[in-house]
Amino acid sequence: MDLEGLTDEDLLERFLAGHEAAFALLVKRHEDRIFSLAWQMMGSRTDALDASQETFIAAFRKASSFRGDSAFGTWLYQVGINTCRDLLRKKKRLPVPHEELPEPPSPGPGPENAAALRVDLARALAGLPEDYRTAVSLHDLGGVPYGEIAAVTGVPVGTVKSRISRGRRLLAQRLEHPSPPVASKDVT
């Protein structure tokens, strides 16, 4: 049976009926976007990998709770956001933007300049307030529509648009005037 042509919701239905390969395909379809979301929320690659894995474990366990009120991807983003928030709470710390990001190479032509821009962007995103970071990451990096972000975050569409606008403005400021790396402090 070819699962590739099925919708996410059909795959979930198949999984709940005992076809585990259907869940594996759901993971394959969504792993990059969930990892991207987790990286932006967690602030480090290592924590993002853990959060991504925990997100899919939680989705596996909670699959039967999906009611179909929104798209499966929207539901999975909500699981991912909640997982990241739980992990951050357990660590009793805020994400540290500079934790695992290498110093960018000096700007110049070629692919190394693109790498430096990605590192700068990751640092700037990690330094945004969580609400802005979530909205900007979902919309600009994940391509999630405003309505779905509103459903995931539980706020009105107008608030989502406002957070994206303000988040972009803060990003632009941080990219124009980057602050030097700050040593992380453990807050207890």
N, C-alpha and C. Protein backbone atom coordinates (compact mmCIF):
# COMPACT_ATOMS: atom_id res chain seq x y z
N MET A 1 0.84 -1.17 0.00
CA MET A 1 0.00 0.00 0.00
C MET A 1 0.89 1.24 0.00
N ASP A 2 0.61 2.17 -0.92
CA ASP A 2 1.40 3.40 -1.03
C ASP A 2 0.80 4.45 -0.11
N LEU A 3 1.59 4.89 0.85
CA LEU A 3 1.13 5.88 1.82
C LEU A 3 1.45 7.30 1.40
N GLU A 4 2.39 7.46 0.47
CA GLU A 4 2.89 8.79 0.10
C GLU A 4 1.79 9.75 -0.32
N GLY A 5 0.77 9.27 -1.02
CA GLY A 5 -0.28 10.14 -1.55
C GLY A 5 -1.35 10.51 -0.54
N LEU A 6 -1.28 9.96 0.66
CA LEU A 6 -2.31 10.22 1.67
C LEU A 6 -2.07 11.54 2.39
N THR A 7 -3.15 12.15 2.85
CA THR A 7 -3.03 13.37 3.64
C THR A 7 -2.50 13.01 5.02
N ASP A 8 -2.06 14.03 5.75
CA ASP A 8 -1.59 13.81 7.12
C ASP A 8 -2.69 13.18 7.97
N GLU A 9 -3.91 13.68 7.80
CA GLU A 9 -5.02 13.17 8.59
C GLU A 9 -5.30 11.71 8.26
N ASP A 10 -5.21 11.34 6.98
CA ASP A 10 -5.39 9.94 6.58
C ASP A 10 -4.29 9.06 7.16
N LEU A 11 -3.07 9.58 7.15
CA LEU A 11 -1.95 8.82 7.73
C LEU A 11 -2.16 8.61 9.23
N LEU A 12 -2.62 9.64 9.91
CA LEU A 12 -2.87 9.50 11.34
C LEU A 12 -3.95 8.45 11.60
N GLU A 13 -4.98 8.47 10.79
CA GLU A 13 -6.05 7.47 10.90
C GLU A 13 -5.49 6.06 10.70
N ARG A 14 -4.64 5.90 9.72
CA ARG A 14 -4.02 4.60 9.47
C ARG A 14 -3.15 4.18 10.65
N PHE A 15 -2.40 5.14 11.19
CA PHE A 15 -1.56 4.84 12.35
C PHE A 15 -2.40 4.36 13.53
N LEU A 16 -3.50 5.08 13.78
CA LEU A 16 -4.36 4.71 14.90
C LEU A 16 -5.00 3.34 14.69
N ALA A 17 -5.09 2.91 13.43
CA ALA A 17 -5.63 1.59 13.11
C ALA A 17 -4.55 0.51 13.20
N GLY A 18 -3.31 0.90 13.56
CA GLY A 18 -2.26 -0.08 13.76
C GLY A 18 -1.17 -0.12 12.71
N HIS A 19 -1.19 0.79 11.76
CA HIS A 19 -0.20 0.82 10.68
C HIS A 19 0.92 1.78 11.07
N GLU A 20 1.97 1.27 11.73
CA GLU A 20 3.02 2.13 12.27
C GLU A 20 3.83 2.87 11.21
N ALA A 21 3.91 2.32 10.00
CA ALA A 21 4.64 3.00 8.92
C ALA A 21 3.99 4.35 8.59
N ALA A 22 2.71 4.47 8.86
CA ALA A 22 2.02 5.75 8.59
C ALA A 22 2.57 6.84 9.51
N PHE A 23 2.86 6.51 10.76
CA PHE A 23 3.42 7.51 11.67
C PHE A 23 4.84 7.87 11.25
N ALA A 24 5.59 6.88 10.80
CA ALA A 24 6.95 7.15 10.34
C ALA A 24 6.93 8.15 9.19
N LEU A 25 5.96 8.06 8.32
CA LEU A 25 5.85 9.00 7.20
C LEU A 25 5.46 10.39 7.71
N LEU A 26 4.61 10.46 8.72
CA LEU A 26 4.27 11.75 9.31
C LEU A 26 5.51 12.42 9.89
N VAL A 27 6.33 11.63 10.57
CA VAL A 27 7.59 12.16 11.13
C VAL A 27 8.46 12.69 10.00
N LYS A 28 8.60 11.91 8.95
CA LYS A 28 9.44 12.31 7.82
C LYS A 28 8.94 13.61 7.20
N ARG A 29 7.63 13.75 7.07
CA ARG A 29 7.05 14.96 6.46
C ARG A 29 7.28 16.21 7.31
N HIS A 30 7.29 16.05 8.63
CA HIS A 30 7.28 17.22 9.51
C HIS A 30 8.57 17.44 10.31
N GLU A 31 9.54 16.53 10.21
CA GLU A 31 10.71 16.62 11.08
C GLU A 31 11.52 17.90 10.86
N ASP A 32 11.68 18.35 9.64
CA ASP A 32 12.48 19.56 9.40
C ASP A 32 11.82 20.79 10.00
N ARG A 33 10.51 20.91 9.83
CA ARG A 33 9.81 22.09 10.35
C ARG A 33 9.76 22.07 11.88
N ILE A 34 9.58 20.89 12.46
CA ILE A 34 9.57 20.79 13.92
C ILE A 34 10.96 21.10 14.47
N PHE A 35 12.00 20.60 13.81
CA PHE A 35 13.36 20.90 14.27
C PHE A 35 13.64 22.40 14.19
N SER A 36 13.22 23.02 13.09
CA SER A 36 13.44 24.46 12.94
C SER A 36 12.72 25.24 14.05
N LEU A 37 11.49 24.86 14.31
CA LEU A 37 10.74 25.49 15.39
C LEU A 37 11.47 25.29 16.72
N ALA A 38 11.88 24.06 16.98
CA ALA A 38 12.56 23.76 18.25
C ALA A 38 13.86 24.53 18.39
N TRP A 39 14.62 24.64 17.31
CA TRP A 39 15.89 25.37 17.38
C TRP A 39 15.65 26.83 17.75
N GLN A 40 14.62 27.41 17.12
CA GLN A 40 14.34 28.82 17.40
C GLN A 40 13.87 29.01 18.83
N MET A 41 13.12 28.05 19.34
CA MET A 41 12.62 28.21 20.71
C MET A 41 13.65 27.82 21.76
N MET A 42 14.46 26.83 21.49
CA MET A 42 15.39 26.31 22.48
C MET A 42 16.72 27.06 22.49
N GLY A 43 17.13 27.58 21.35
CA GLY A 43 18.35 28.37 21.30
C GLY A 43 19.63 27.58 21.08
N SER A 44 19.54 26.26 21.00
CA SER A 44 20.73 25.48 20.70
C SER A 44 20.34 24.25 19.89
N ARG A 45 21.27 23.78 19.09
CA ARG A 45 21.02 22.63 18.23
C ARG A 45 20.76 21.37 19.06
N THR A 46 21.56 21.16 20.08
CA THR A 46 21.42 19.97 20.93
C THR A 46 20.05 19.94 21.60
N ASP A 47 19.66 21.06 22.18
CA ASP A 47 18.34 21.12 22.82
C ASP A 47 17.23 20.97 21.80
N ALA A 48 17.43 21.51 20.60
CA ALA A 48 16.42 21.39 19.55
C ALA A 48 16.25 19.94 19.11
N LEU A 49 17.36 19.20 19.03
CA LEU A 49 17.26 17.78 18.68
C LEU A 49 16.46 17.03 19.76
N ASP A 50 16.76 17.31 21.02
CA ASP A 50 16.01 16.68 22.11
C ASP A 50 14.54 17.06 22.05
N ALA A 51 14.26 18.33 21.84
CA ALA A 51 12.87 18.80 21.79
C ALA A 51 12.12 18.19 20.61
N SER A 52 12.79 18.06 19.48
CA SER A 52 12.15 17.45 18.30
C SER A 52 11.78 16.00 18.60
N GLN A 53 12.72 15.28 19.18
CA GLN A 53 12.46 13.88 19.52
C GLN A 53 11.31 13.79 20.53
N GLU A 54 11.33 14.63 21.54
CA GLU A 54 10.26 14.62 22.54
C GLU A 54 8.91 15.00 21.93
N THR A 55 8.93 15.89 20.95
CA THR A 55 7.70 16.29 20.27
C THR A 55 7.06 15.09 19.57
N PHE A 56 7.87 14.34 18.85
CA PHE A 56 7.32 13.19 18.13
C PHE A 56 6.91 12.06 19.08
N ILE A 57 7.62 11.91 20.18
CA ILE A 57 7.21 10.92 21.18
C ILE A 57 5.85 11.32 21.76
N ALA A 58 5.71 12.60 22.09
CA ALA A 58 4.44 13.09 22.62
C ALA A 58 3.32 12.93 21.59
N ALA A 59 3.61 13.25 20.33
CA ALA A 59 2.60 13.10 19.28
C ALA A 59 2.20 11.63 19.13
N PHE A 60 3.16 10.73 19.22
CA PHE A 60 2.89 9.30 19.14
C PHE A 60 1.93 8.88 20.26
N ARG A 61 2.23 9.35 21.46
CA ARG A 61 1.41 8.99 22.62
C ARG A 61 0.04 9.65 22.61
N LYS A 62 -0.03 10.88 22.08
CA LYS A 62 -1.27 11.65 22.12
C LYS A 62 -2.05 11.59 20.80
N ALA A 63 -1.64 10.76 19.87
CA ALA A 63 -2.26 10.73 18.55
C ALA A 63 -3.77 10.57 18.61
N SER A 64 -4.25 9.78 19.53
CA SER A 64 -5.69 9.55 19.61
C SER A 64 -6.45 10.78 20.10
N SER A 65 -5.73 11.77 20.66
CA SER A 65 -6.39 12.99 21.13
C SER A 65 -6.59 14.02 20.01
N PHE A 66 -6.03 13.76 18.82
CA PHE A 66 -6.22 14.68 17.70
C PHE A 66 -7.69 14.64 17.29
N ARG A 67 -8.37 15.80 17.38
CA ARG A 67 -9.80 15.86 17.11
C ARG A 67 -10.12 16.33 15.70
N GLY A 68 -9.14 16.84 14.99
CA GLY A 68 -9.41 17.32 13.65
C GLY A 68 -9.97 18.73 13.59
N ASP A 69 -9.88 19.47 14.70
CA ASP A 69 -10.36 20.86 14.71
C ASP A 69 -9.47 21.75 13.85
N SER A 70 -8.25 21.31 13.63
CA SER A 70 -7.29 22.05 12.80
C SER A 70 -6.53 21.01 11.99
N ALA A 71 -5.63 21.48 11.15
CA ALA A 71 -4.81 20.56 10.37
C ALA A 71 -3.87 19.81 11.31
N PHE A 72 -3.46 18.62 10.90
CA PHE A 72 -2.54 17.83 11.72
C PHE A 72 -1.26 18.61 11.99
N GLY A 73 -0.75 19.31 10.97
CA GLY A 73 0.48 20.09 11.14
C GLY A 73 0.34 21.16 12.20
N THR A 74 -0.83 21.78 12.28
CA THR A 74 -1.09 22.79 13.29
C THR A 74 -1.08 22.16 14.68
N TRP A 75 -1.74 21.02 14.80
CA TRP A 75 -1.77 20.29 16.07
C TRP A 75 -0.35 19.89 16.49
N LEU A 76 0.43 19.40 15.52
CA LEU A 76 1.80 18.98 15.81
C LEU A 76 2.65 20.17 16.24
N TYR A 77 2.46 21.35 15.62
CA TYR A 77 3.19 22.55 16.05
C TYR A 77 2.85 22.88 17.50
N GLN A 78 1.57 22.74 17.86
CA GLN A 78 1.18 23.02 19.23
C GLN A 78 1.87 22.05 20.19
N VAL A 79 1.93 20.78 19.81
CA VAL A 79 2.65 19.79 20.61
C VAL A 79 4.11 20.21 20.74
N GLY A 80 4.71 20.65 19.62
CA GLY A 80 6.11 21.08 19.62
C GLY A 80 6.35 22.30 20.51
N ILE A 81 5.48 23.27 20.43
CA ILE A 81 5.61 24.47 21.26
C ILE A 81 5.51 24.11 22.73
N ASN A 82 4.51 23.29 23.05
CA ASN A 82 4.33 22.87 24.45
C ASN A 82 5.53 22.06 24.95
N THR A 83 6.05 21.21 24.10
CA THR A 83 7.22 20.41 24.48
C THR A 83 8.42 21.31 24.76
N CYS A 84 8.67 22.27 23.87
CA CYS A 84 9.79 23.20 24.08
C CYS A 84 9.61 24.00 25.37
N ARG A 85 8.40 24.49 25.59
CA ARG A 85 8.15 25.26 26.82
C ARG A 85 8.38 24.41 28.05
N ASP A 86 7.92 23.15 28.00
CA ASP A 86 8.12 22.25 29.15
C ASP A 86 9.60 22.00 29.39
N LEU A 87 10.35 21.77 28.32
CA LEU A 87 11.79 21.51 28.47
C LEU A 87 12.51 22.74 29.02
N LEU A 88 12.13 23.92 28.54
CA LEU A 88 12.75 25.15 29.04
C LEU A 88 12.42 25.34 30.52
N ARG A 89 11.19 25.07 30.89
CA ARG A 89 10.78 25.19 32.29
C ARG A 89 11.56 24.22 33.16
N LYS A 90 11.75 23.00 32.68
CA LYS A 90 12.50 22.00 33.44
C LYS A 90 13.94 22.42 33.64
N LYS A 91 14.49 23.08 32.65
CA LYS A 91 15.88 23.54 32.77
C LYS A 91 15.97 24.80 33.62
N LYS A 92 14.82 25.40 33.90
CA LYS A 92 14.76 26.63 34.70
C LYS A 92 15.70 27.70 34.16
N ARG A 93 15.63 27.86 32.88
CA ARG A 93 16.45 28.90 32.25
C ARG A 93 15.78 29.34 30.96
N LEU A 94 16.16 30.50 30.52
CA LEU A 94 15.73 30.99 29.22
C LEU A 94 16.73 30.52 28.18
N PRO A 95 16.32 30.47 26.90
CA PRO A 95 17.29 30.08 25.89
C PRO A 95 18.45 31.07 25.83
N VAL A 96 19.63 30.56 25.64
CA VAL A 96 20.82 31.38 25.53
C VAL A 96 21.18 31.47 24.06
N PRO A 97 21.03 32.65 23.45
CA PRO A 97 21.20 32.77 22.01
C PRO A 97 22.57 32.35 21.49
N HIS A 98 23.61 32.50 22.27
CA HIS A 98 24.96 32.28 21.76
C HIS A 98 25.54 30.94 22.17
N GLU A 99 24.72 30.12 22.80
CA GLU A 99 25.20 28.89 23.42
C GLU A 99 26.03 28.00 22.51
N GLU A 100 25.49 27.61 21.37
CA GLU A 100 26.20 26.66 20.53
C GLU A 100 26.45 27.20 19.13
N LEU A 101 26.25 28.47 18.94
CA LEU A 101 26.44 29.03 17.62
C LEU A 101 27.88 29.47 17.45
N PRO A 102 28.55 28.97 16.43
CA PRO A 102 29.95 29.35 16.23
C PRO A 102 30.05 30.82 15.85
N GLU A 103 31.21 31.37 16.08
CA GLU A 103 31.45 32.74 15.64
C GLU A 103 31.36 32.76 14.12
N PRO A 104 30.64 33.72 13.55
CA PRO A 104 30.51 33.74 12.10
C PRO A 104 31.82 34.09 11.42
N PRO A 105 32.05 33.51 10.23
CA PRO A 105 33.24 33.90 9.48
C PRO A 105 33.10 35.35 9.02
N SER A 106 34.22 35.96 8.68
CA SER A 106 34.15 37.33 8.23
C SER A 106 33.39 37.41 6.92
N PRO A 107 32.56 38.47 6.76
CA PRO A 107 31.75 38.59 5.55
C PRO A 107 32.62 38.68 4.31
N GLY A 108 32.14 38.13 3.26
CA GLY A 108 32.83 38.14 1.99
C GLY A 108 32.03 37.35 0.98
N PRO A 109 32.49 37.29 -0.24
CA PRO A 109 31.72 36.57 -1.24
C PRO A 109 31.77 35.06 -0.99
N GLY A 110 30.77 34.37 -1.49
CA GLY A 110 30.78 32.91 -1.43
C GLY A 110 29.90 32.35 -0.35
N PRO A 111 29.92 31.02 -0.24
CA PRO A 111 29.04 30.34 0.69
C PRO A 111 29.31 30.64 2.16
N GLU A 112 30.54 31.01 2.49
CA GLU A 112 30.83 31.32 3.88
C GLU A 112 30.06 32.55 4.35
N ASN A 113 29.75 33.48 3.44
CA ASN A 113 28.95 34.64 3.80
C ASN A 113 27.52 34.21 4.12
N ALA A 114 26.99 33.26 3.37
CA ALA A 114 25.65 32.76 3.64
C ALA A 114 25.61 32.09 5.01
N ALA A 115 26.66 31.36 5.35
CA ALA A 115 26.72 30.70 6.65
C ALA A 115 26.76 31.74 7.76
N ALA A 116 27.52 32.80 7.57
CA ALA A 116 27.60 33.86 8.57
C ALA A 116 26.24 34.52 8.76
N LEU A 117 25.52 34.74 7.67
CA LEU A 117 24.19 35.34 7.77
C LEU A 117 23.24 34.42 8.53
N ARG A 118 23.32 33.11 8.29
CA ARG A 118 22.45 32.16 9.00
C ARG A 118 22.75 32.18 10.50
N VAL A 119 24.02 32.23 10.85
CA VAL A 119 24.40 32.28 12.26
C VAL A 119 23.89 33.57 12.89
N ASP A 120 24.08 34.69 12.20
CA ASP A 120 23.59 35.98 12.71
C ASP A 120 22.08 35.95 12.90
N LEU A 121 21.37 35.39 11.92
CA LEU A 121 19.91 35.31 12.00
C LEU A 121 19.48 34.42 13.17
N ALA A 122 20.15 33.29 13.33
CA ALA A 122 19.82 32.38 14.43
C ALA A 122 20.03 33.07 15.78
N ARG A 123 21.11 33.81 15.91
CA ARG A 123 21.37 34.55 17.16
C ARG A 123 20.30 35.60 17.41
N ALA A 124 19.97 36.35 16.35
CA ALA A 124 18.97 37.40 16.50
C ALA A 124 17.61 36.81 16.86
N LEU A 125 17.23 35.72 16.21
CA LEU A 125 15.96 35.06 16.51
C LEU A 125 15.93 34.54 17.95
N ALA A 126 17.00 33.92 18.36
CA ALA A 126 17.06 33.35 19.71
C ALA A 126 16.96 34.43 20.78
N GLY A 127 17.32 35.66 20.43
CA GLY A 127 17.27 36.75 21.39
C GLY A 127 15.92 37.44 21.47
N LEU A 128 14.98 37.06 20.61
CA LEU A 128 13.65 37.67 20.65
C LEU A 128 12.84 37.13 21.82
N PRO A 129 11.88 37.92 22.30
CA PRO A 129 10.95 37.38 23.29
C PRO A 129 10.24 36.15 22.70
N GLU A 130 9.90 35.20 23.55
CA GLU A 130 9.36 33.92 23.10
C GLU A 130 8.15 34.07 22.18
N ASP A 131 7.20 34.95 22.52
CA ASP A 131 6.00 35.11 21.70
C ASP A 131 6.35 35.58 20.28
N TYR A 132 7.26 36.52 20.18
CA TYR A 132 7.68 37.02 18.87
C TYR A 132 8.44 35.95 18.11
N ARG A 133 9.36 35.27 18.79
CA ARG A 133 10.18 34.23 18.16
C ARG A 133 9.29 33.11 17.60
N THR A 134 8.30 32.70 18.37
CA THR A 134 7.40 31.64 17.93
C THR A 134 6.63 32.07 16.69
N ALA A 135 6.04 33.26 16.73
CA ALA A 135 5.24 33.74 15.59
C ALA A 135 6.09 33.93 14.33
N VAL A 136 7.24 34.56 14.47
CA VAL A 136 8.12 34.78 13.32
C VAL A 136 8.64 33.46 12.77
N SER A 137 9.04 32.56 13.65
CA SER A 137 9.56 31.26 13.21
C SER A 137 8.50 30.47 12.47
N LEU A 138 7.30 30.41 13.04
CA LEU A 138 6.24 29.64 12.39
C LEU A 138 5.89 30.24 11.02
N HIS A 139 5.75 31.56 10.97
CA HIS A 139 5.31 32.19 9.71
C HIS A 139 6.43 32.31 8.68
N ASP A 140 7.53 32.92 9.07
CA ASP A 140 8.57 33.22 8.10
C ASP A 140 9.47 32.03 7.79
N LEU A 141 9.71 31.17 8.75
CA LEU A 141 10.57 30.02 8.51
C LEU A 141 9.76 28.77 8.18
N GLY A 142 8.60 28.65 8.81
CA GLY A 142 7.79 27.45 8.61
C GLY A 142 6.70 27.60 7.56
N GLY A 143 6.41 28.82 7.15
CA GLY A 143 5.38 29.02 6.14
C GLY A 143 3.97 28.77 6.65
N VAL A 144 3.78 28.83 7.96
CA VAL A 144 2.46 28.56 8.54
C VAL A 144 1.60 29.82 8.41
N PRO A 145 0.37 29.68 7.92
CA PRO A 145 -0.53 30.85 7.76
C PRO A 145 -0.92 31.45 9.11
N TYR A 146 -1.32 32.72 9.08
CA TYR A 146 -1.69 33.45 10.29
C TYR A 146 -2.75 32.71 11.11
N GLY A 147 -3.78 32.22 10.45
CA GLY A 147 -4.88 31.55 11.14
C GLY A 147 -4.42 30.32 11.91
N GLU A 148 -3.51 29.56 11.31
CA GLU A 148 -3.01 28.37 11.99
C GLU A 148 -2.12 28.76 13.18
N ILE A 149 -1.35 29.82 13.02
CA ILE A 149 -0.51 30.29 14.14
C ILE A 149 -1.42 30.73 15.28
N ALA A 150 -2.51 31.41 14.94
CA ALA A 150 -3.47 31.84 15.97
C ALA A 150 -4.03 30.63 16.70
N ALA A 151 -4.35 29.58 15.96
CA ALA A 151 -4.89 28.36 16.58
C ALA A 151 -3.85 27.70 17.47
N VAL A 152 -2.60 27.65 17.01
CA VAL A 152 -1.53 27.00 17.77
C VAL A 152 -1.22 27.77 19.05
N THR A 153 -1.17 29.08 18.95
CA THR A 153 -0.75 29.89 20.10
C THR A 153 -1.92 30.34 20.97
N GLY A 154 -3.15 30.18 20.47
CA GLY A 154 -4.31 30.54 21.26
C GLY A 154 -4.55 32.04 21.39
N VAL A 155 -4.10 32.81 20.40
CA VAL A 155 -4.34 34.25 20.41
C VAL A 155 -5.04 34.64 19.10
N PRO A 156 -5.68 35.81 19.06
CA PRO A 156 -6.35 36.24 17.82
C PRO A 156 -5.36 36.48 16.67
N VAL A 157 -5.87 36.40 15.45
CA VAL A 157 -5.04 36.59 14.26
C VAL A 157 -4.36 37.96 14.29
N GLY A 158 -5.08 38.99 14.75
CA GLY A 158 -4.49 40.33 14.84
C GLY A 158 -3.27 40.36 15.75
N THR A 159 -3.32 39.61 16.82
CA THR A 159 -2.18 39.54 17.74
C THR A 159 -1.00 38.84 17.06
N VAL A 160 -1.31 37.79 16.31
CA VAL A 160 -0.26 37.06 15.57
C VAL A 160 0.42 38.02 14.60
N LYS A 161 -0.37 38.77 13.83
CA LYS A 161 0.20 39.72 12.86
C LYS A 161 1.05 40.77 13.56
N SER A 162 0.58 41.23 14.71
CA SER A 162 1.32 42.22 15.47
C SER A 162 2.65 41.65 15.97
N ARG A 163 2.60 40.42 16.49
CA ARG A 163 3.84 39.80 16.99
C ARG A 163 4.84 39.57 15.87
N ILE A 164 4.35 39.20 14.70
CA ILE A 164 5.25 38.99 13.56
C ILE A 164 5.87 40.32 13.14
N SER A 165 5.04 41.35 13.07
CA SER A 165 5.54 42.67 12.68
C SER A 165 6.59 43.18 13.67
N ARG A 166 6.26 43.11 14.95
CA ARG A 166 7.20 43.59 15.97
C ARG A 166 8.44 42.71 16.02
N GLY A 167 8.26 41.42 15.86
CA GLY A 167 9.39 40.50 15.85
C GLY A 167 10.34 40.79 14.70
N ARG A 168 9.77 41.05 13.53
CA ARG A 168 10.61 41.39 12.37
C ARG A 168 11.37 42.68 12.61
N ARG A 169 10.70 43.66 13.21
CA ARG A 169 11.37 44.94 13.51
C ARG A 169 12.53 44.72 14.47
N LEU A 170 12.30 43.95 15.51
CA LEU A 170 13.38 43.65 16.47
C LEU A 170 14.52 42.88 15.79
N LEU A 171 14.15 41.94 14.93
CA LEU A 171 15.18 41.19 14.19
C LEU A 171 16.04 42.13 13.37
N ALA A 172 15.39 43.02 12.66
CA ALA A 172 16.14 43.97 11.82
C ALA A 172 17.09 44.80 12.68
N GLN A 173 16.61 45.27 13.83
CA GLN A 173 17.46 46.05 14.73
C GLN A 173 18.65 45.22 15.21
N ARG A 174 18.38 43.98 15.60
CA ARG A 174 19.45 43.11 16.11
C ARG A 174 20.45 42.75 15.03
N LEU A 175 19.97 42.61 13.80
CA LEU A 175 20.89 42.29 12.70
C LEU A 175 21.73 43.50 12.30
N GLU A 176 21.13 44.71 12.41
CA GLU A 176 21.88 45.92 12.09
C GLU A 176 22.89 46.27 13.18
N HIS A 177 22.52 46.01 14.43
CA HIS A 177 23.36 46.36 15.58
C HIS A 177 23.48 45.15 16.49
N PRO A 178 24.25 44.14 16.06
CA PRO A 178 24.36 42.94 16.91
C PRO A 178 25.10 43.25 18.20
N SER A 179 24.63 42.62 19.26
CA SER A 179 25.31 42.79 20.54
C SER A 179 26.38 41.70 20.64
N PRO A 180 27.43 41.98 21.38
CA PRO A 180 28.48 40.97 21.55
C PRO A 180 27.95 39.77 22.32
N PRO A 181 28.54 38.59 22.11
CA PRO A 181 28.11 37.40 22.84
C PRO A 181 28.17 37.64 24.34
N VAL A 182 27.18 37.10 25.04
CA VAL A 182 27.09 37.25 26.48
C VAL A 182 27.31 35.87 27.09
N ALA A 183 28.12 35.81 28.12
CA ALA A 183 28.33 34.53 28.81
C ALA A 183 27.03 34.13 29.49
N SER A 184 26.65 32.87 29.35
CA SER A 184 25.41 32.42 29.97
C SER A 184 25.58 32.32 31.48
N LYS A 185 24.52 32.67 32.18
CA LYS A 185 24.52 32.58 33.64
C LYS A 185 23.41 31.63 34.03
N ASP A 186 23.70 30.77 34.95
CA ASP A 186 22.70 29.84 35.44
C ASP A 186 21.88 30.54 36.51
N VAL A 187 20.61 30.70 36.28
CA VAL A 187 19.73 31.34 37.24
C VAL A 187 19.07 30.25 38.06
N THR A 188 19.24 30.30 39.35
CA THR A 188 18.62 29.29 40.20
C THR A 188 17.64 29.89 41.15
